[in-house]
Amino acid sequence: MLARYNDEMTEIQRVDMVGVGLNATDTVIPLASYPERGAKVEYSERAIMPGGQVATTVVACQTWGLRTRYVGKLGDDDAARLHQAAFGRVGAEARIVTVPGHASLHNVIMVDSGGERTILCQRDERMVLHPEELRREWIVNARVLHVDGFDTAAATQAASWARAAGVLVVADLDEPYPGVDELIANIDYMIVNKNFSCRLMDDNNLERALRRMQARYGCRLSAATLGEDGVLAWDGQQLTHCPAYRISVVDTTGAGDIFRAGFIYGLLQDWPLERQLDFSCAAAAMNCMAKGARGGIRGVEAIENLMSTVPRYPSAYETRGPSARSASAECAAHTQRA
C-alpha cells in the first residue's frame, strides 16, 4: 500500500527548528543487571513511552519555547497515535508520512541499576523515509534543520535543500551509514557519539579525528559526546571540552537526543559555544535523572538551576596545552549572568 501524508492542505508556517529522522516507541524494562547469555531474568515493571532520536529532540526544543516541526514516518497503529498525542501535547507540528496497515517502529530497552541502557532496535524497510516522500517547504521554512542520518538518503536530500536555502544543519550521527559522506558535506554542526569520528576517519585518537573530520568536510563544528566525560568539540581553531554533571543516574536513554536539543536551543539563542555545550550537558544530565527518552525534560530555568548548583566531573582536557580548554569555568560565569 502507498504511504499517505497527514494534513496535506494545511499552510506551512516558518518554525525555529525542523527535525527529519527517527521516531520509535520504547518498551523500557528496568533490570538489576544485564542478563548473561542463556539466563532467565525476572523483571517487575515495564513502561511504554515515545522515543526516537529526532522526535525526542523536537519535543525537547518545543518544550523550551522553540517553534518546531517533526518530519518522519509512522505506521497505522496505537504507537502512531501515541506519537501524535505526544507532539500535540507540547504543540509541535508533525508532518507524518503514514504507512497504512503497518506497525510503527518499536524498541526494547533494558536499563540496569546504574542507569545504563541496552537498546534492541527494530528495523523495518517499510518504515524507511525516502527522499521523494519529503516536501521542500517542510525543510526550508525553518532556521535550523536537525537530522540523524538513519534514513541517509532522505536526510541528505533535506540537508541539501537546507544548505541551498541558508538553513543551518545540525546532525546526530552514530553510525557511518552507506552514503554518509554526501550527507556530512551539507552539515554545519556535526555532533557524533564518541566512536563515530574515529571509525569514520580510521583514527583511534579522538582529538585528531575531530580535527580531521572538520577539515575534510568543512563543517563549522565537529563534536563528540562522551557520556560521563562530557563533550569534546573542535571549531577549526579551538578545542573545547565541557565536563559532564555529577548526578544520580536513573536511565541514560535519550541523553544524547536531549544534548542535541540543548545545543540547538543555545545555537538559536546565539550563545557562545562554551555556554551551548554546558547547557546541553546539563539538559542531558537532567533527563538521565528520570525514566525514558523524554522522562526528564524540564524547563530552561530548571536546567540553569542544575548548572549553578550541581558539581561536574573533573575535566580530562584541562592540562592538554593551549589548543585545549575546559568550558566549565567560562560556562559557570555565563550561567551566573543568565
C-alpha atoms as a PDB file:
ATOM      1  CA  MET A   1       0.000   0.000   0.000  1.00  0.00           C
ATOM      2  CA  LEU A   2       1.154   3.545  -0.693  1.00  0.00           C
ATOM      3  CA  ALA A   3       2.112   5.891   2.098  1.00  0.00           C
ATOM      4  CA  ARG A   4      -0.098   8.877   2.782  1.00  0.00           C
ATOM      5  CA  TYR A   5       0.515  12.298   4.299  1.00  0.00           C
ATOM      6  CA  ASN A   6      -1.296  13.904   7.204  1.00  0.00           C
ATOM      7  CA  ASP A   7      -2.748  17.420   6.928  1.00  0.00           C
ATOM      8  CA  GLU A   8      -1.810  17.771   3.274  1.00  0.00           C
ATOM      9  CA  MET A   9      -3.706  21.039   2.747  1.00  0.00           C
ATOM     10  CA  THR A  10      -2.523  22.964   5.834  1.00  0.00           C
ATOM     11  CA  GLU A  11      -0.356  26.028   5.356  1.00  0.00           C
ATOM     12  CA  ILE A  12       3.365  25.681   6.025  1.00  0.00           C
ATOM     13  CA  GLN A  13       4.439  28.013   8.816  1.00  0.00           C
ATOM     14  CA  ARG A  14       8.007  29.127   9.453  1.00  0.00           C
ATOM     15  CA  VAL A  15       9.491  27.431  12.516  1.00  0.00           C
ATOM     16  CA  ASP A  16      12.687  27.681  14.516  1.00  0.00           C
ATOM     17  CA  MET A  17      13.688  24.063  14.063  1.00  0.00           C
ATOM     18  CA  VAL A  18      12.635  21.186  11.816  1.00  0.00           C
ATOM     19  CA  GLY A  19      13.703  17.625  12.549  1.00  0.00           C
ATOM     20  CA  VAL A  20      13.843  14.840   9.969  1.00  0.00           C
ATOM     21  CA  GLY A  21      14.553  11.369  11.297  1.00  0.00           C
ATOM     22  CA  LEU A  22      13.756   8.596  13.699  1.00  0.00           C
ATOM     23  CA  ASN A  23      10.847   8.070  15.996  1.00  0.00           C
ATOM     24  CA  ALA A  24      10.247   4.885  17.957  1.00  0.00           C
ATOM     25  CA  THR A  25       8.024   3.540  20.670  1.00  0.00           C
ATOM     26  CA  ASP A  26      10.155   2.282  23.563  1.00  0.00           C
ATOM     27  CA  THR A  27       9.340  -0.522  25.947  1.00  0.00           C
ATOM     28  CA  VAL A  28      11.618   0.282  28.897  1.00  0.00           C
ATOM     29  CA  ILE A  29      12.407  -2.566  31.305  1.00  0.00           C
ATOM     30  CA  PRO A  30      14.480  -1.847  34.458  1.00  0.00           C
ATOM     31  CA  LEU A  31      16.769  -4.727  35.485  1.00  0.00           C
ATOM     32  CA  ALA A  32      19.217  -5.167  38.335  1.00  0.00           C
ATOM     33  CA  SER A  33      21.946  -6.075  35.855  1.00  0.00           C
ATOM     34  CA  TYR A  34      22.326  -7.013  32.208  1.00  0.00           C
ATOM     35  CA  PRO A  35      21.420 -10.708  31.809  1.00  0.00           C
ATOM     36  CA  GLU A  36      24.033 -13.288  30.976  1.00  0.00           C
ATOM     37  CA  ARG A  37      23.635 -15.379  27.878  1.00  0.00           C
ATOM     38  CA  GLY A  38      21.103 -18.166  28.450  1.00  0.00           C
ATOM     39  CA  ALA A  39      19.881 -16.652  31.715  1.00  0.00           C
ATOM     40  CA  LYS A  40      16.290 -16.337  32.845  1.00  0.00           C
ATOM     41  CA  VAL A  41      15.781 -12.926  34.439  1.00  0.00           C
ATOM     42  CA  GLU A  42      12.707 -11.593  36.201  1.00  0.00           C
ATOM     43  CA  TYR A  43      11.506  -8.016  35.909  1.00  0.00           C
ATOM     44  CA  SER A  44       8.846  -6.256  37.930  1.00  0.00           C
ATOM     45  CA  GLU A  45       7.767  -3.411  35.669  1.00  0.00           C
ATOM     46  CA  ARG A  46       7.838  -2.061  32.159  1.00  0.00           C
ATOM     47  CA  ALA A  47       6.788   1.199  30.590  1.00  0.00           C
ATOM     48  CA  ILE A  48       5.798   2.032  27.019  1.00  0.00           C
ATOM     49  CA  MET A  49       6.950   5.518  26.030  1.00  0.00           C
ATOM     50  CA  PRO A  50       7.521   7.561  22.876  1.00  0.00           C
ATOM     51  CA  GLY A  51      11.160   7.976  21.855  1.00  0.00           C
ATOM     52  CA  GLY A  52      13.405   8.114  18.824  1.00  0.00           C
ATOM     53  CA  GLN A  53      16.410  10.353  18.196  1.00  0.00           C
ATOM     54  CA  VAL A  54      14.986  13.259  16.225  1.00  0.00           C
ATOM     55  CA  ALA A  55      11.432  13.031  17.579  1.00  0.00           C
ATOM     56  CA  THR A  56      12.752  13.386  21.123  1.00  0.00           C
ATOM     57  CA  THR A  57      14.955  16.334  20.176  1.00  0.00           C
ATOM     58  CA  VAL A  58      11.957  18.076  18.602  1.00  0.00           C
ATOM     59  CA  VAL A  59       9.804  17.570  21.705  1.00  0.00           C
ATOM     60  CA  ALA A  60      12.526  18.976  23.984  1.00  0.00           C
ATOM     61  CA  CYS A  61      13.053  22.062  21.809  1.00  0.00           C
ATOM     62  CA  GLN A  62       9.303  22.715  21.702  1.00  0.00           C
ATOM     63  CA  THR A  63       9.102  22.322  25.491  1.00  0.00           C
ATOM     64  CA  TRP A  64      11.737  25.054  25.850  1.00  0.00           C
ATOM     65  CA  GLY A  65       9.728  27.503  23.769  1.00  0.00           C
ATOM     66  CA  LEU A  66      11.019  26.975  20.240  1.00  0.00           C
ATOM     67  CA  ARG A  67       8.587  26.513  17.358  1.00  0.00           C
ATOM     68  CA  THR A  68       9.260  23.093  15.895  1.00  0.00           C
ATOM     69  CA  ARG A  69       8.231  20.726  13.126  1.00  0.00           C
ATOM     70  CA  TYR A  70       8.814  16.970  13.031  1.00  0.00           C
ATOM     71  CA  VAL A  71       9.024  15.081   9.731  1.00  0.00           C
ATOM     72  CA  GLY A  72       9.002  11.303   9.886  1.00  0.00           C
ATOM     73  CA  LYS A  73       7.254   8.063   9.104  1.00  0.00           C
ATOM     74  CA  LEU A  74       4.789   6.083  11.199  1.00  0.00           C
ATOM     75  CA  GLY A  75       2.602   3.066  10.774  1.00  0.00           C
ATOM     76  CA  ASP A  76      -1.144   2.973  11.279  1.00  0.00           C
ATOM     77  CA  ASP A  77      -1.402   1.727  14.859  1.00  0.00           C
ATOM     78  CA  ASP A  78      -1.627   2.669  18.531  1.00  0.00           C
ATOM     79  CA  ALA A  79       2.077   3.583  18.575  1.00  0.00           C
ATOM     80  CA  ALA A  80       1.486   6.162  15.842  1.00  0.00           C
ATOM     81  CA  ARG A  81      -1.342   7.651  17.860  1.00  0.00           C
ATOM     82  CA  LEU A  82       0.918   7.738  20.928  1.00  0.00           C
ATOM     83  CA  HIS A  83       3.443   9.825  18.976  1.00  0.00           C
ATOM     84  CA  GLN A  84       0.819  12.112  17.520  1.00  0.00           C
ATOM     85  CA  ALA A  85      -0.534  12.757  21.007  1.00  0.00           C
ATOM     86  CA  ALA A  86       2.971  13.483  22.330  1.00  0.00           C
ATOM     87  CA  PHE A  87       3.608  16.080  19.617  1.00  0.00           C
ATOM     88  CA  GLY A  88       0.180  17.558  20.219  1.00  0.00           C
ATOM     89  CA  ARG A  89       0.692  17.913  23.986  1.00  0.00           C
ATOM     90  CA  VAL A  90       3.721  20.171  23.542  1.00  0.00           C
ATOM     91  CA  GLY A  91       2.396  21.928  20.430  1.00  0.00           C
ATOM     92  CA  ALA A  92       4.967  20.619  17.944  1.00  0.00           C
ATOM     93  CA  GLU A  93       3.876  20.491  14.315  1.00  0.00           C
ATOM     94  CA  ALA A  94       4.063  16.955  12.889  1.00  0.00           C
ATOM     95  CA  ARG A  95       4.318  16.175   9.183  1.00  0.00           C
ATOM     96  CA  ILE A  96       3.861  12.432   9.199  1.00  0.00           C
ATOM     97  CA  VAL A  97       4.141  10.023   6.309  1.00  0.00           C
ATOM     98  CA  THR A  98       1.811   7.174   7.265  1.00  0.00           C
ATOM     99  CA  VAL A  99       2.084   3.594   6.010  1.00  0.00           C
ATOM    100  CA  PRO A 100      -1.448   2.167   6.240  1.00  0.00           C
ATOM    101  CA  GLY A 101      -1.810  -1.308   7.680  1.00  0.00           C
ATOM    102  CA  HIS A 102       1.719  -1.467   9.129  1.00  0.00           C
ATOM    103  CA  ALA A 103       3.172  -1.127  12.613  1.00  0.00           C
ATOM    104  CA  SER A 104       5.424   1.729  13.693  1.00  0.00           C
ATOM    105  CA  LEU A 105       8.989   1.074  14.862  1.00  0.00           C
ATOM    106  CA  HIS A 106       9.315  -0.361  18.373  1.00  0.00           C
ATOM    107  CA  ASN A 107      12.437  -0.661  20.546  1.00  0.00           C
ATOM    108  CA  VAL A 108      13.031  -2.744  23.663  1.00  0.00           C
ATOM    109  CA  ILE A 109      15.317  -1.013  26.181  1.00  0.00           C
ATOM    110  CA  MET A 110      16.841  -2.721  29.204  1.00  0.00           C
ATOM    111  CA  VAL A 111      18.118  -0.380  31.907  1.00  0.00           C
ATOM    112  CA  ASP A 112      20.456  -1.712  34.623  1.00  0.00           C
ATOM    113  CA  SER A 113      20.706  -0.479  38.213  1.00  0.00           C
ATOM    114  CA  GLY A 114      23.365   2.046  37.232  1.00  0.00           C
ATOM    115  CA  GLY A 115      21.093   3.614  34.631  1.00  0.00           C
ATOM    116  CA  GLU A 116      22.975   2.288  31.609  1.00  0.00           C
ATOM    117  CA  ARG A 117      20.646   1.218  28.823  1.00  0.00           C
ATOM    118  CA  THR A 118      20.893  -1.506  26.208  1.00  0.00           C
ATOM    119  CA  ILE A 119      18.669  -0.958  23.184  1.00  0.00           C
ATOM    120  CA  LEU A 120      17.229  -3.620  20.901  1.00  0.00           C
ATOM    121  CA  CYS A 121      16.338  -1.619  17.782  1.00  0.00           C
ATOM    122  CA  GLN A 122      13.766  -2.695  15.247  1.00  0.00           C
ATOM    123  CA  ARG A 123      14.489  -2.244  11.559  1.00  0.00           C
ATOM    124  CA  ASP A 124      11.609  -2.389   9.080  1.00  0.00           C
ATOM    125  CA  GLU A 125      12.228  -1.382   5.467  1.00  0.00           C
ATOM    126  CA  ARG A 126       8.600  -0.263   5.168  1.00  0.00           C
ATOM    127  CA  MET A 127       9.363   2.443   7.741  1.00  0.00           C
ATOM    128  CA  VAL A 128      12.305   3.902   5.828  1.00  0.00           C
ATOM    129  CA  LEU A 129      11.701   7.552   4.946  1.00  0.00           C
ATOM    130  CA  HIS A 130      12.538   8.143   1.268  1.00  0.00           C
ATOM    131  CA  PRO A 131      13.636  11.411  -0.390  1.00  0.00           C
ATOM    132  CA  GLU A 132      10.585  11.510  -2.638  1.00  0.00           C
ATOM    133  CA  GLU A 133       8.352  11.461   0.464  1.00  0.00           C
ATOM    134  CA  LEU A 134       9.773  14.777   1.668  1.00  0.00           C
ATOM    135  CA  ARG A 135       8.500  18.194   0.702  1.00  0.00           C
ATOM    136  CA  ARG A 136      10.937  21.038   0.270  1.00  0.00           C
ATOM    137  CA  GLU A 137       8.688  23.554   2.010  1.00  0.00           C
ATOM    138  CA  TRP A 138       8.777  21.464   5.196  1.00  0.00           C
ATOM    139  CA  ILE A 139      12.541  21.913   5.324  1.00  0.00           C
ATOM    140  CA  VAL A 140      13.369  25.390   4.110  1.00  0.00           C
ATOM    141  CA  ASN A 141      10.803  27.180   6.288  1.00  0.00           C
ATOM    142  CA  ALA A 142      12.979  26.831   9.373  1.00  0.00           C
ATOM    143  CA  ARG A 143      16.054  28.369  10.965  1.00  0.00           C
ATOM    144  CA  VAL A 144      17.696  25.024  11.777  1.00  0.00           C
ATOM    145  CA  LEU A 145      17.368  21.514  10.334  1.00  0.00           C
ATOM    146  CA  HIS A 146      18.226  18.551  12.555  1.00  0.00           C
ATOM    147  CA  VAL A 147      18.838  15.072  11.095  1.00  0.00           C
ATOM    148  CA  ASP A 148      20.068  11.756  12.479  1.00  0.00           C
ATOM    149  CA  GLY A 149      21.226  10.142   9.234  1.00  0.00           C
ATOM    150  CA  PHE A 150      19.460   6.821   9.833  1.00  0.00           C
ATOM    151  CA  ASP A 151      17.412   7.219   6.659  1.00  0.00           C
ATOM    152  CA  THR A 152      20.509   8.545   4.936  1.00  0.00           C
ATOM    153  CA  ALA A 153      19.105   9.376   1.509  1.00  0.00           C
ATOM    154  CA  ALA A 154      16.182  11.354   2.939  1.00  0.00           C
ATOM    155  CA  ALA A 155      18.468  13.136   5.409  1.00  0.00           C
ATOM    156  CA  THR A 156      20.843  14.026   2.574  1.00  0.00           C
ATOM    157  CA  GLN A 157      18.010  15.447   0.473  1.00  0.00           C
ATOM    158  CA  ALA A 158      16.736  17.510   3.387  1.00  0.00           C
ATOM    159  CA  ALA A 159      20.238  18.771   4.240  1.00  0.00           C
ATOM    160  CA  SER A 160      20.867  19.708   0.601  1.00  0.00           C
ATOM    161  CA  TRP A 161      17.661  21.761   0.462  1.00  0.00           C
ATOM    162  CA  ALA A 162      18.522  23.384   3.776  1.00  0.00           C
ATOM    163  CA  ARG A 163      22.070  24.278   2.742  1.00  0.00           C
ATOM    164  CA  ALA A 164      20.834  25.844  -0.508  1.00  0.00           C
ATOM    165  CA  ALA A 165      18.271  27.908   1.439  1.00  0.00           C
ATOM    166  CA  GLY A 166      20.715  29.092   4.087  1.00  0.00           C
ATOM    167  CA  VAL A 167      19.195  26.938   6.837  1.00  0.00           C
ATOM    168  CA  LEU A 168      21.726  25.731   9.422  1.00  0.00           C
ATOM    169  CA  VAL A 169      22.081  21.937   9.604  1.00  0.00           C
ATOM    170  CA  VAL A 170      22.786  20.012  12.819  1.00  0.00           C
ATOM    171  CA  ALA A 171      23.375  16.263  12.717  1.00  0.00           C
ATOM    172  CA  ASP A 172      23.283  13.485  15.310  1.00  0.00           C
ATOM    173  CA  LEU A 173      25.308  10.655  13.775  1.00  0.00           C
ATOM    174  CA  ASP A 174      26.126   7.367  15.476  1.00  0.00           C
ATOM    175  CA  GLU A 175      26.929   5.076  12.540  1.00  0.00           C
ATOM    176  CA  PRO A 176      28.855   5.632   9.281  1.00  0.00           C
ATOM    177  CA  TYR A 177      25.877   4.612   7.130  1.00  0.00           C
ATOM    178  CA  PRO A 178      26.458   3.999   3.391  1.00  0.00           C
ATOM    179  CA  GLY A 179      26.318   7.353   1.626  1.00  0.00           C
ATOM    180  CA  VAL A 180      27.023   9.348   4.778  1.00  0.00           C
ATOM    181  CA  ASP A 181      29.844  11.326   3.102  1.00  0.00           C
ATOM    182  CA  GLU A 182      27.338  13.160   0.917  1.00  0.00           C
ATOM    183  CA  LEU A 183      25.209  13.921   3.951  1.00  0.00           C
ATOM    184  CA  ILE A 184      28.133  15.243   6.007  1.00  0.00           C
ATOM    185  CA  ALA A 185      29.105  17.581   3.163  1.00  0.00           C
ATOM    186  CA  ASN A 186      25.890  19.517   3.910  1.00  0.00           C
ATOM    187  CA  ILE A 187      26.219  19.609   7.708  1.00  0.00           C
ATOM    188  CA  ASP A 188      27.216  22.719   9.671  1.00  0.00           C
ATOM    189  CA  TYR A 189      27.289  21.284  13.185  1.00  0.00           C
ATOM    190  CA  MET A 190      28.183  17.611  13.421  1.00  0.00           C
ATOM    191  CA  ILE A 191      27.596  16.107  16.874  1.00  0.00           C
ATOM    192  CA  VAL A 192      28.527  12.431  16.926  1.00  0.00           C
ATOM    193  CA  ASN A 193      28.990   9.730  19.527  1.00  0.00           C
ATOM    194  CA  LYS A 194      32.453   9.006  20.886  1.00  0.00           C
ATOM    195  CA  ASN A 195      33.194   6.216  18.393  1.00  0.00           C
ATOM    196  CA  PHE A 196      31.839   7.704  15.165  1.00  0.00           C
ATOM    197  CA  SER A 197      34.630  10.132  14.277  1.00  0.00           C
ATOM    198  CA  CYS A 198      37.367   7.581  14.994  1.00  0.00           C
ATOM    199  CA  ARG A 199      35.632   4.983  12.822  1.00  0.00           C
ATOM    200  CA  LEU A 200      34.885   7.441  10.029  1.00  0.00           C
ATOM    201  CA  MET A 201      38.431   8.822   9.936  1.00  0.00           C
ATOM    202  CA  ASP A 202      40.089   5.454  10.729  1.00  0.00           C
ATOM    203  CA  ASP A 203      41.966   7.155  13.557  1.00  0.00           C
ATOM    204  CA  ASN A 204      41.954   5.969  17.175  1.00  0.00           C
ATOM    205  CA  ASN A 205      42.864   9.414  18.545  1.00  0.00           C
ATOM    206  CA  LEU A 206      39.624  11.299  19.208  1.00  0.00           C
ATOM    207  CA  GLU A 207      41.074  14.818  19.187  1.00  0.00           C
ATOM    208  CA  ARG A 208      42.868  14.231  15.914  1.00  0.00           C
ATOM    209  CA  ALA A 209      39.814  12.545  14.374  1.00  0.00           C
ATOM    210  CA  LEU A 210      37.590  15.518  15.222  1.00  0.00           C
ATOM    211  CA  ARG A 211      40.094  17.939  13.677  1.00  0.00           C
ATOM    212  CA  ARG A 212      40.436  15.848  10.540  1.00  0.00           C
ATOM    213  CA  MET A 213      36.686  15.387  10.213  1.00  0.00           C
ATOM    214  CA  GLN A 214      36.037  19.125  10.460  1.00  0.00           C
ATOM    215  CA  ALA A 215      38.802  19.897   7.951  1.00  0.00           C
ATOM    216  CA  ARG A 216      37.706  17.260   5.444  1.00  0.00           C
ATOM    217  CA  TYR A 217      34.018  18.163   5.353  1.00  0.00           C
ATOM    218  CA  GLY A 218      34.207  21.877   6.096  1.00  0.00           C
ATOM    219  CA  CYS A 219      31.598  21.849   8.863  1.00  0.00           C
ATOM    220  CA  ARG A 220      31.604  24.701  11.371  1.00  0.00           C
ATOM    221  CA  LEU A 221      31.929  22.340  14.321  1.00  0.00           C
ATOM    222  CA  SER A 222      32.722  18.702  14.943  1.00  0.00           C
ATOM    223  CA  ALA A 223      31.923  17.386  18.399  1.00  0.00           C
ATOM    224  CA  ALA A 224      31.737  14.054  20.204  1.00  0.00           C
ATOM    225  CA  THR A 225      29.577  13.269  23.215  1.00  0.00           C
ATOM    226  CA  LEU A 226      31.468  11.209  25.798  1.00  0.00           C
ATOM    227  CA  GLY A 227      28.956  10.120  28.435  1.00  0.00           C
ATOM    228  CA  GLU A 228      30.380  10.809  31.902  1.00  0.00           C
ATOM    229  CA  ASP A 229      33.317  12.612  30.252  1.00  0.00           C
ATOM    230  CA  GLY A 230      31.039  15.298  28.797  1.00  0.00           C
ATOM    231  CA  VAL A 231      31.670  16.596  25.280  1.00  0.00           C
ATOM    232  CA  LEU A 232      34.713  17.499  23.209  1.00  0.00           C
ATOM    233  CA  ALA A 233      34.339  19.970  20.313  1.00  0.00           C
ATOM    234  CA  TRP A 234      36.601  21.404  17.607  1.00  0.00           C
ATOM    235  CA  ASP A 235      35.575  24.559  15.729  1.00  0.00           C
ATOM    236  CA  GLY A 236      38.577  24.789  13.406  1.00  0.00           C
ATOM    237  CA  GLN A 237      40.573  26.931  15.826  1.00  0.00           C
ATOM    238  CA  GLN A 238      39.908  25.835  19.379  1.00  0.00           C
ATOM    239  CA  LEU A 239      39.388  22.504  21.093  1.00  0.00           C
ATOM    240  CA  THR A 240      36.763  22.864  23.833  1.00  0.00           C
ATOM    241  CA  HIS A 241      35.880  20.311  26.491  1.00  0.00           C
ATOM    242  CA  CYS A 242      32.824  20.630  28.722  1.00  0.00           C
ATOM    243  CA  PRO A 243      32.688  18.166  31.639  1.00  0.00           C
ATOM    244  CA  ALA A 244      29.526  16.259  32.464  1.00  0.00           C
ATOM    245  CA  TYR A 245      27.461  16.882  35.593  1.00  0.00           C
ATOM    246  CA  ARG A 246      27.784  14.537  38.541  1.00  0.00           C
ATOM    247  CA  ILE A 247      24.197  13.384  39.068  1.00  0.00           C
ATOM    248  CA  SER A 248      22.457  10.226  40.256  1.00  0.00           C
ATOM    249  CA  VAL A 249      21.661   8.384  37.030  1.00  0.00           C
ATOM    250  CA  VAL A 250      18.324   6.601  36.678  1.00  0.00           C
ATOM    251  CA  ASP A 251      18.236   5.987  32.909  1.00  0.00           C
ATOM    252  CA  THR A 252      20.608   7.183  30.171  1.00  0.00           C
ATOM    253  CA  THR A 253      18.013   6.619  27.426  1.00  0.00           C
ATOM    254  CA  GLY A 254      17.633   9.774  25.349  1.00  0.00           C
ATOM    255  CA  ALA A 255      20.601  11.595  26.889  1.00  0.00           C
ATOM    256  CA  GLY A 256      22.212  12.195  23.500  1.00  0.00           C
ATOM    257  CA  ASP A 257      18.934  13.330  21.946  1.00  0.00           C
ATOM    258  CA  ILE A 258      18.395  15.889  24.714  1.00  0.00           C
ATOM    259  CA  PHE A 259      22.013  17.023  24.408  1.00  0.00           C
ATOM    260  CA  ARG A 260      21.391  17.847  20.716  1.00  0.00           C
ATOM    261  CA  ALA A 261      18.215  19.671  21.674  1.00  0.00           C
ATOM    262  CA  GLY A 262      20.185  21.750  24.158  1.00  0.00           C
ATOM    263  CA  PHE A 263      22.774  22.558  21.514  1.00  0.00           C
ATOM    264  CA  ILE A 264      20.101  23.684  19.039  1.00  0.00           C
ATOM    265  CA  TYR A 265      18.390  25.778  21.708  1.00  0.00           C
ATOM    266  CA  GLY A 266      21.667  27.511  22.570  1.00  0.00           C
ATOM    267  CA  LEU A 267      22.536  27.977  18.906  1.00  0.00           C
ATOM    268  CA  LEU A 268      19.264  29.813  18.308  1.00  0.00           C
ATOM    269  CA  GLN A 269      19.875  31.991  21.379  1.00  0.00           C
ATOM    270  CA  ASP A 270      23.232  32.946  19.831  1.00  0.00           C
ATOM    271  CA  TRP A 271      25.072  31.799  22.951  1.00  0.00           C
ATOM    272  CA  PRO A 272      28.876  31.332  22.958  1.00  0.00           C
ATOM    273  CA  LEU A 273      29.946  27.769  22.231  1.00  0.00           C
ATOM    274  CA  GLU A 274      31.003  27.118  25.828  1.00  0.00           C
ATOM    275  CA  ARG A 275      27.558  28.011  27.136  1.00  0.00           C
ATOM    276  CA  GLN A 276      25.848  25.951  24.431  1.00  0.00           C
ATOM    277  CA  LEU A 277      27.840  22.875  25.398  1.00  0.00           C
ATOM    278  CA  ASP A 278      27.345  23.387  29.118  1.00  0.00           C
ATOM    279  CA  PHE A 279      23.581  23.858  28.776  1.00  0.00           C
ATOM    280  CA  SER A 280      23.462  20.747  26.588  1.00  0.00           C
ATOM    281  CA  CYS A 281      25.337  18.690  29.185  1.00  0.00           C
ATOM    282  CA  ALA A 282      23.002  19.946  31.916  1.00  0.00           C
ATOM    283  CA  ALA A 283      19.850  19.194  29.913  1.00  0.00           C
ATOM    284  CA  ALA A 284      21.125  15.674  29.179  1.00  0.00           C
ATOM    285  CA  ALA A 285      22.042  15.136  32.833  1.00  0.00           C
ATOM    286  CA  MET A 286      18.584  16.201  33.971  1.00  0.00           C
ATOM    287  CA  ASN A 287      16.973  13.753  31.557  1.00  0.00           C
ATOM    288  CA  CYS A 288      19.127  10.942  32.980  1.00  0.00           C
ATOM    289  CA  MET A 289      17.551  11.538  36.386  1.00  0.00           C
ATOM    290  CA  ALA A 290      14.216  10.096  35.188  1.00  0.00           C
ATOM    291  CA  LYS A 291      12.975   7.102  33.204  1.00  0.00           C
ATOM    292  CA  GLY A 292      12.653   7.047  29.447  1.00  0.00           C
ATOM    293  CA  ALA A 293      13.897   9.061  26.500  1.00  0.00           C
ATOM    294  CA  ARG A 294      11.812  12.101  27.492  1.00  0.00           C
ATOM    295  CA  GLY A 295      11.090  11.489  31.172  1.00  0.00           C
ATOM    296  CA  GLY A 296      13.451  14.176  32.453  1.00  0.00           C
ATOM    297  CA  ILE A 297      12.744  17.025  30.036  1.00  0.00           C
ATOM    298  CA  ARG A 298      12.382  20.094  32.234  1.00  0.00           C
ATOM    299  CA  GLY A 299      12.138  23.807  31.619  1.00  0.00           C
ATOM    300  CA  VAL A 300      15.075  26.106  30.888  1.00  0.00           C
ATOM    301  CA  GLU A 301      15.008  27.574  34.395  1.00  0.00           C
ATOM    302  CA  ALA A 302      15.352  24.121  35.978  1.00  0.00           C
ATOM    303  CA  ILE A 303      18.274  23.279  33.689  1.00  0.00           C
ATOM    304  CA  GLU A 304      20.059  26.517  34.545  1.00  0.00           C
ATOM    305  CA  ASN A 305      19.486  25.844  38.230  1.00  0.00           C
ATOM    306  CA  LEU A 306      21.204  22.484  37.798  1.00  0.00           C
ATOM    307  CA  MET A 307      24.101  24.256  36.057  1.00  0.00           C
ATOM    308  CA  SER A 308      24.603  26.565  39.035  1.00  0.00           C
ATOM    309  CA  THR A 309      24.156  24.001  41.831  1.00  0.00           C
ATOM    310  CA  VAL A 310      25.404  20.583  40.678  1.00  0.00           C
ATOM    311  CA  PRO A 311      29.146  19.758  40.542  1.00  0.00           C
ATOM    312  CA  ARG A 312      30.831  18.480  37.394  1.00  0.00           C
ATOM    313  CA  TYR A 313      33.188  15.601  36.852  1.00  0.00           C
ATOM    314  CA  PRO A 314      36.836  16.670  36.584  1.00  0.00           C
ATOM    315  CA  SER A 315      37.866  17.724  33.088  1.00  0.00           C
ATOM    316  CA  ALA A 316      40.159  15.287  31.319  1.00  0.00           C
ATOM    317  CA  TYR A 317      41.348  18.047  28.975  1.00  0.00           C
ATOM    318  CA  GLU A 318      42.299  20.949  31.235  1.00  0.00           C
ATOM    319  CA  THR A 319      46.054  20.341  31.058  1.00  0.00           C
ATOM    320  CA  ARG A 320      46.494  19.437  27.398  1.00  0.00           C
ATOM    321  CA  GLY A 321      48.127  22.649  26.237  1.00  0.00           C
ATOM    322  CA  PRO A 322      46.977  25.927  24.698  1.00  0.00           C
ATOM    323  CA  SER A 323      44.864  24.314  21.982  1.00  0.00           C
ATOM    324  CA  ALA A 324      42.592  22.674  24.531  1.00  0.00           C
ATOM    325  CA  ARG A 325      40.439  24.369  27.145  1.00  0.00           C
ATOM    326  CA  SER A 326      37.749  23.372  29.572  1.00  0.00           C
ATOM    327  CA  ALA A 327      34.402  25.081  29.189  1.00  0.00           C
ATOM    328  CA  SER A 328      33.427  24.666  32.828  1.00  0.00           C
ATOM    329  CA  ALA A 329      34.729  27.925  34.296  1.00  0.00           C
ATOM    330  CA  GLU A 330      33.543  30.047  31.386  1.00  0.00           C
ATOM    331  CA  CYS A 331      30.169  28.294  31.295  1.00  0.00           C
ATOM    332  CA  ALA A 332      29.699  28.849  35.032  1.00  0.00           C
ATOM    333  CA  ALA A 333      30.282  32.558  34.504  1.00  0.00           C
ATOM    334  CA  HIS A 334      27.720  32.662  31.681  1.00  0.00           C
ATOM    335  CA  THR A 335      25.232  30.800  33.880  1.00  0.00           C
ATOM    336  CA  GLN A 336      25.587  33.311  36.695  1.00  0.00           C
ATOM    337  CA  ARG A 337      24.956  36.172  34.268  1.00  0.00           C
ATOM    338  CA  ALA A 338      21.941  34.498  32.612  1.00  0.00           C
END
